[in-house]
Amino acid sequence: MEVVITNDATAAAALAADAIERVLATVERPVLGLATGSSPIATYRELIRRHREGRLSFSSAQAFLLDEYVDLPPGHDQSYRRFIERELTDHVDLPAASLHGPGNSLDDPTSGDEYERRLAEAGGVDLQLVGIGGDGHIGFNEPGSSLGSRTRLKTLTDSTRNDNARFFGGDPRAVPRHVITQGIATILDARHVVLLAGGASKADIVARAVEGPVTAMIPASALQLHPHTTVIVDEPAASSLSRANYYREVYAHKPGWQQI
């Protein structure tokens, strides 16, 4: 696991965009794993800017969503497919048929297996973006999720629904009770995982995920087991890291050819 501490959120977004740009430029049929939430939005805006400048193209890429609410109507403004369309794919040249989401029906017990099959058929994810929740969740793999879990249906707690109610007019009852999410083992299958975190509110959980023990109680800690994980944090999010000076020194003296 490599930890990169940037001066601010803008620099963090640019560094993540650099990694995605390299995948798009060097992989013949690139496969990207896309996350929702606030953490990747600045990266998506930077990718849109570079696309408009002619620096990069998504035309030969495929993109897979990390998770999705179950039983929202098609095109619902708070579906994660619509989020990705609104924040990224409506503004670049990714073909509409190349954006893949997990199934969103509560009555289909095979949707997780089908999603895993589509991921495998695409050749696996070259770069997976993830954020981290305040309790250490990645995707909708909340504390207690198996570190060997695959794409599956998950039931949301009232606490999570209350947290997400701000996106549904403040009404927790409007938040779906179920989601389908990539599992932790599915995320670890990606060839490169990039975790983005910003702000002082994430400092404690970033430190626990990066420097604490690997445990199902902090699902993001499983990324310590991955051979190519990059954790990109701004200074406030890095403020609880005990080895912050080490991370800064190592990154500052990397050879020029060694990218994140």
Protein backbone atom coordinates (compact mmCIF):
# COMPACT_ATOMS: atom_id res chain seq x y z
CA MET A 1 0.00 0.00 0.00
CA GLU A 2 1.29 3.42 -0.97
CA VAL A 3 0.07 6.52 0.84
CA VAL A 4 0.36 9.83 -1.02
CA ILE A 5 -0.29 13.04 0.89
CA THR A 6 -1.16 16.02 -1.30
CA ASN A 7 -1.35 19.69 -0.40
CA ASP A 8 -5.07 19.90 -1.10
CA ALA A 9 -8.06 18.19 -2.68
CA THR A 10 -7.31 19.67 -6.11
CA ALA A 11 -3.88 18.04 -6.18
CA ALA A 12 -5.38 14.74 -4.99
CA ALA A 13 -7.93 14.80 -7.81
CA ALA A 14 -5.25 15.55 -10.40
CA LEU A 15 -3.09 12.65 -9.20
CA ALA A 16 -6.00 10.21 -9.42
CA ALA A 17 -6.85 11.56 -12.88
CA ASP A 18 -3.23 11.01 -13.93
CA ALA A 19 -3.54 7.33 -13.04
CA ILE A 20 -6.78 6.96 -14.99
CA GLU A 21 -5.31 8.81 -17.97
CA ARG A 22 -2.39 6.35 -18.06
CA VAL A 23 -4.79 3.40 -18.10
CA LEU A 24 -6.79 4.93 -20.94
CA ALA A 25 -3.60 5.62 -22.90
CA THR A 26 -1.79 2.31 -22.36
CA VAL A 27 -4.46 -0.41 -22.12
CA GLU A 28 -6.08 -1.50 -25.37
CA ARG A 29 -9.51 -2.15 -23.85
CA PRO A 30 -9.39 -0.41 -20.47
CA VAL A 31 -11.83 -1.30 -17.70
CA LEU A 32 -12.52 1.29 -15.01
CA GLY A 33 -14.30 0.81 -11.70
CA LEU A 34 -16.24 3.95 -10.76
CA ALA A 35 -17.34 5.02 -7.29
CA THR A 36 -20.04 7.47 -6.26
CA GLY A 37 -20.12 9.87 -3.33
CA SER A 38 -18.34 13.15 -2.85
CA SER A 39 -14.74 11.85 -2.86
CA PRO A 40 -14.33 11.19 -6.62
CA ILE A 41 -16.27 14.20 -7.96
CA ALA A 42 -13.22 16.45 -8.30
CA THR A 43 -11.40 13.66 -10.14
CA TYR A 44 -14.33 13.24 -12.53
CA ARG A 45 -14.35 16.97 -13.24
CA GLU A 46 -10.63 16.88 -13.96
CA LEU A 47 -11.14 13.96 -16.37
CA ILE A 48 -13.91 15.88 -18.15
CA ARG A 49 -11.61 18.87 -18.49
CA ARG A 50 -8.82 16.77 -19.98
CA HIS A 51 -11.25 15.06 -22.36
CA ARG A 52 -12.49 18.43 -23.61
CA GLU A 53 -8.87 19.45 -24.20
CA GLY A 54 -8.38 16.32 -26.31
CA ARG A 55 -5.94 14.71 -23.90
CA LEU A 56 -7.86 11.50 -23.28
CA SER A 57 -10.66 9.36 -24.68
CA PHE A 58 -13.00 6.83 -23.11
CA SER A 59 -14.17 5.50 -26.47
CA SER A 60 -12.57 2.05 -26.07
CA ALA A 61 -13.19 1.78 -22.32
CA GLN A 62 -15.74 -0.04 -20.22
CA ALA A 63 -16.86 1.20 -16.81
CA PHE A 64 -18.38 -0.75 -13.93
CA LEU A 65 -20.27 0.80 -11.02
CA LEU A 66 -19.19 -0.14 -7.52
CA ASP A 67 -22.74 -0.44 -6.20
CA GLU A 68 -26.40 0.47 -6.79
CA TYR A 69 -29.62 0.97 -4.88
CA VAL A 70 -32.25 -1.71 -5.36
CA ASP A 71 -35.73 -1.07 -6.74
CA LEU A 72 -35.38 2.61 -7.60
CA PRO A 73 -37.34 3.53 -10.75
CA PRO A 74 -35.27 3.67 -13.97
CA GLY A 75 -33.56 7.03 -14.30
CA HIS A 76 -34.17 8.00 -10.67
CA ASP A 77 -32.03 11.02 -9.88
CA GLN A 78 -30.42 9.30 -6.86
CA SER A 79 -29.54 6.04 -8.58
CA TYR A 80 -25.82 5.55 -8.78
CA ARG A 81 -25.98 5.02 -12.52
CA ARG A 82 -27.57 8.43 -12.87
CA PHE A 83 -24.94 9.90 -10.55
CA ILE A 84 -22.11 8.60 -12.75
CA GLU A 85 -23.87 9.78 -15.89
CA ARG A 86 -24.41 13.24 -14.41
CA GLU A 87 -20.91 13.60 -12.95
CA LEU A 88 -18.85 11.94 -15.69
CA THR A 89 -20.11 9.83 -18.57
CA ASP A 90 -22.62 12.31 -20.03
CA HIS A 91 -19.64 14.62 -20.59
CA VAL A 92 -17.11 12.24 -22.18
CA ASP A 93 -17.11 9.78 -25.09
CA LEU A 94 -17.76 6.55 -23.17
CA PRO A 95 -20.38 4.62 -25.18
CA ALA A 96 -23.62 4.29 -23.22
CA ALA A 97 -23.54 0.50 -23.65
CA SER A 98 -20.12 0.42 -21.98
CA LEU A 99 -21.42 1.61 -18.60
CA HIS A 100 -22.37 -1.40 -16.49
CA GLY A 101 -24.20 -1.50 -13.19
CA PRO A 102 -25.18 -4.37 -10.92
CA GLY A 103 -28.78 -5.52 -11.08
CA ASN A 104 -31.27 -3.51 -9.08
CA SER A 105 -34.10 -5.95 -8.47
CA LEU A 106 -34.79 -7.32 -5.01
CA ASP A 107 -36.40 -10.41 -6.54
CA ASP A 108 -33.36 -11.54 -8.59
CA PRO A 109 -31.04 -13.70 -6.44
CA THR A 110 -28.63 -14.19 -9.36
CA SER A 111 -27.79 -10.54 -10.04
CA GLY A 112 -24.56 -10.61 -8.02
CA ASP A 113 -23.30 -13.69 -9.83
CA GLU A 114 -24.26 -12.16 -13.17
CA TYR A 115 -22.31 -9.01 -12.36
CA GLU A 116 -19.25 -11.04 -11.41
CA ARG A 117 -19.55 -12.85 -14.74
CA ARG A 118 -19.66 -9.58 -16.68
CA LEU A 119 -16.62 -8.28 -14.81
CA ALA A 120 -14.71 -11.45 -15.67
CA GLU A 121 -15.77 -11.31 -19.33
CA ALA A 122 -14.47 -7.73 -19.54
CA GLY A 123 -11.08 -8.96 -18.35
CA GLY A 124 -11.27 -7.53 -14.84
CA VAL A 125 -10.91 -3.96 -13.62
CA ASP A 126 -7.69 -2.14 -14.46
CA LEU A 127 -8.26 0.69 -11.99
CA GLN A 128 -10.90 0.86 -9.28
CA LEU A 129 -11.72 4.15 -7.54
CA VAL A 130 -13.09 3.92 -4.01
CA GLY A 131 -13.90 6.29 -1.21
CA ILE A 132 -14.06 5.47 2.49
CA GLY A 133 -16.96 5.95 4.83
CA GLY A 134 -16.66 7.29 8.35
CA ASP A 135 -16.98 3.74 9.68
CA GLY A 136 -14.44 2.36 7.21
CA HIS A 137 -16.86 0.98 4.63
CA ILE A 138 -15.94 0.70 0.96
CA GLY A 139 -18.78 0.33 -1.48
CA PHE A 140 -21.65 -0.79 0.72
CA ASN A 141 -19.43 -3.24 2.57
CA GLU A 142 -20.14 -2.02 6.06
CA PRO A 143 -18.33 -3.16 9.23
CA GLY A 144 -18.64 -6.92 9.64
CA SER A 145 -18.64 -7.64 5.90
CA SER A 146 -16.61 -10.69 4.98
CA LEU A 147 -13.19 -9.89 3.56
CA GLY A 148 -13.89 -12.66 1.05
CA SER A 149 -17.26 -11.26 -0.05
CA ARG A 150 -18.31 -10.98 -3.69
CA THR A 151 -21.01 -8.88 -5.39
CA ARG A 152 -24.23 -9.41 -3.47
CA LEU A 153 -27.43 -7.94 -2.05
CA LYS A 154 -27.02 -6.01 1.21
CA THR A 155 -29.66 -4.71 3.63
CA LEU A 156 -29.12 -1.16 4.84
CA THR A 157 -29.52 -0.32 8.50
CA ASP A 158 -31.73 2.52 9.70
CA SER A 159 -28.54 4.38 10.61
CA THR A 160 -27.25 4.25 7.04
CA ARG A 161 -30.65 5.22 5.66
CA ASN A 162 -30.76 8.20 8.03
CA ASP A 163 -27.28 9.22 6.85
CA ASN A 164 -28.37 9.07 3.21
CA ALA A 165 -31.72 10.77 3.73
CA ARG A 166 -30.20 14.14 2.77
CA PHE A 167 -30.12 12.89 -0.83
CA PHE A 168 -33.79 11.89 -0.69
CA GLY A 169 -35.42 15.10 0.48
CA GLY A 170 -34.54 14.43 4.12
CA ASP A 171 -36.87 11.42 4.33
CA PRO A 172 -35.18 8.21 5.53
CA ARG A 173 -38.20 6.22 4.39
CA ALA A 174 -37.45 7.23 0.79
CA VAL A 175 -33.98 5.67 0.97
CA PRO A 176 -34.07 2.13 -0.42
CA ARG A 177 -33.67 -0.61 2.18
CA HIS A 178 -31.43 -2.71 -0.09
CA VAL A 179 -28.41 -2.28 -2.35
CA ILE A 180 -26.23 -4.47 -4.53
CA THR A 181 -22.53 -3.90 -4.00
CA GLN A 182 -19.26 -5.32 -5.17
CA GLY A 183 -17.78 -7.37 -2.36
CA ILE A 184 -14.43 -6.75 -0.74
CA ALA A 185 -12.83 -9.66 -2.59
CA THR A 186 -14.29 -8.30 -5.85
CA ILE A 187 -12.70 -4.91 -5.20
CA LEU A 188 -9.38 -6.60 -4.40
CA ASP A 189 -9.48 -8.31 -7.82
CA ALA A 190 -8.82 -4.96 -9.52
CA ARG A 191 -5.27 -4.55 -10.76
CA HIS A 192 -4.94 -1.10 -9.16
CA VAL A 193 -7.13 0.32 -6.38
CA VAL A 194 -7.08 4.07 -5.73
CA LEU A 195 -8.69 5.24 -2.49
CA LEU A 196 -9.49 8.95 -2.25
CA ALA A 197 -10.18 10.69 1.04
CA GLY A 198 -10.27 14.36 1.93
CA GLY A 199 -10.98 16.51 4.94
CA ALA A 200 -10.35 16.29 8.67
CA SER A 201 -13.50 14.23 9.23
CA LYS A 202 -11.81 11.30 7.47
CA ALA A 203 -8.49 11.55 9.35
CA ASP A 204 -9.23 9.00 12.08
CA ILE A 205 -10.71 6.33 9.83
CA VAL A 206 -7.95 6.74 7.23
CA ALA A 207 -5.35 6.13 9.93
CA ARG A 208 -7.20 3.07 11.23
CA ALA A 209 -7.60 1.62 7.73
CA VAL A 210 -3.99 2.27 6.68
CA GLU A 211 -2.03 1.75 9.89
CA GLY A 212 -4.30 -0.42 12.01
CA PRO A 213 -4.92 -4.17 11.84
CA VAL A 214 -6.72 -5.79 8.94
CA THR A 215 -10.20 -6.46 10.24
CA ALA A 216 -13.73 -6.89 8.95
CA MET A 217 -14.71 -4.15 11.42
CA ILE A 218 -12.80 -1.70 9.18
CA PRO A 219 -13.55 -3.04 5.69
CA ALA A 220 -11.15 -0.62 3.95
CA SER A 221 -8.28 -2.13 5.95
CA ALA A 222 -8.48 -5.10 3.55
CA LEU A 223 -6.75 -2.89 0.99
CA GLN A 224 -3.54 -3.49 2.96
CA LEU A 225 -3.61 -6.97 1.40
CA HIS A 226 -3.70 -5.67 -2.17
CA PRO A 227 -0.43 -5.61 -4.15
CA HIS A 228 -1.17 -2.24 -5.78
CA THR A 229 -3.29 0.08 -3.64
CA THR A 230 -2.72 3.83 -3.63
CA VAL A 231 -4.28 5.90 -0.86
CA ILE A 232 -4.44 9.58 -1.87
CA VAL A 233 -5.28 12.00 0.94
CA ASP A 234 -5.05 15.73 1.46
CA GLU A 235 -3.29 17.21 4.49
CA PRO A 236 -6.38 17.34 6.75
CA ALA A 237 -7.23 13.69 6.02
CA ALA A 238 -3.60 12.75 6.73
CA SER A 239 -3.47 14.49 10.10
CA SER A 240 -3.87 11.32 12.20
CA LEU A 241 -1.32 9.21 10.32
CA SER A 242 1.56 8.32 12.63
CA ARG A 243 3.92 7.74 9.68
CA ALA A 244 2.95 10.79 7.63
CA ASN A 245 6.54 12.05 7.39
CA TYR A 246 7.65 8.64 6.12
CA TYR A 247 4.98 8.66 3.39
CA ARG A 248 5.99 12.16 2.30
CA GLU A 249 9.69 11.31 2.16
CA VAL A 250 9.24 8.08 0.22
CA TYR A 251 6.93 9.68 -2.33
CA ALA A 252 9.21 12.71 -2.79
CA HIS A 253 12.18 10.50 -3.67
CA LYS A 254 10.53 7.99 -6.00
CA PRO A 255 12.31 7.60 -9.36
CA GLY A 256 10.64 9.44 -12.18
CA TRP A 257 9.56 6.28 -14.00
CA GLN A 258 7.77 4.88 -10.93
CA GLN A 259 4.20 6.09 -11.04
CA ILE A 260 1.55 5.58 -8.38
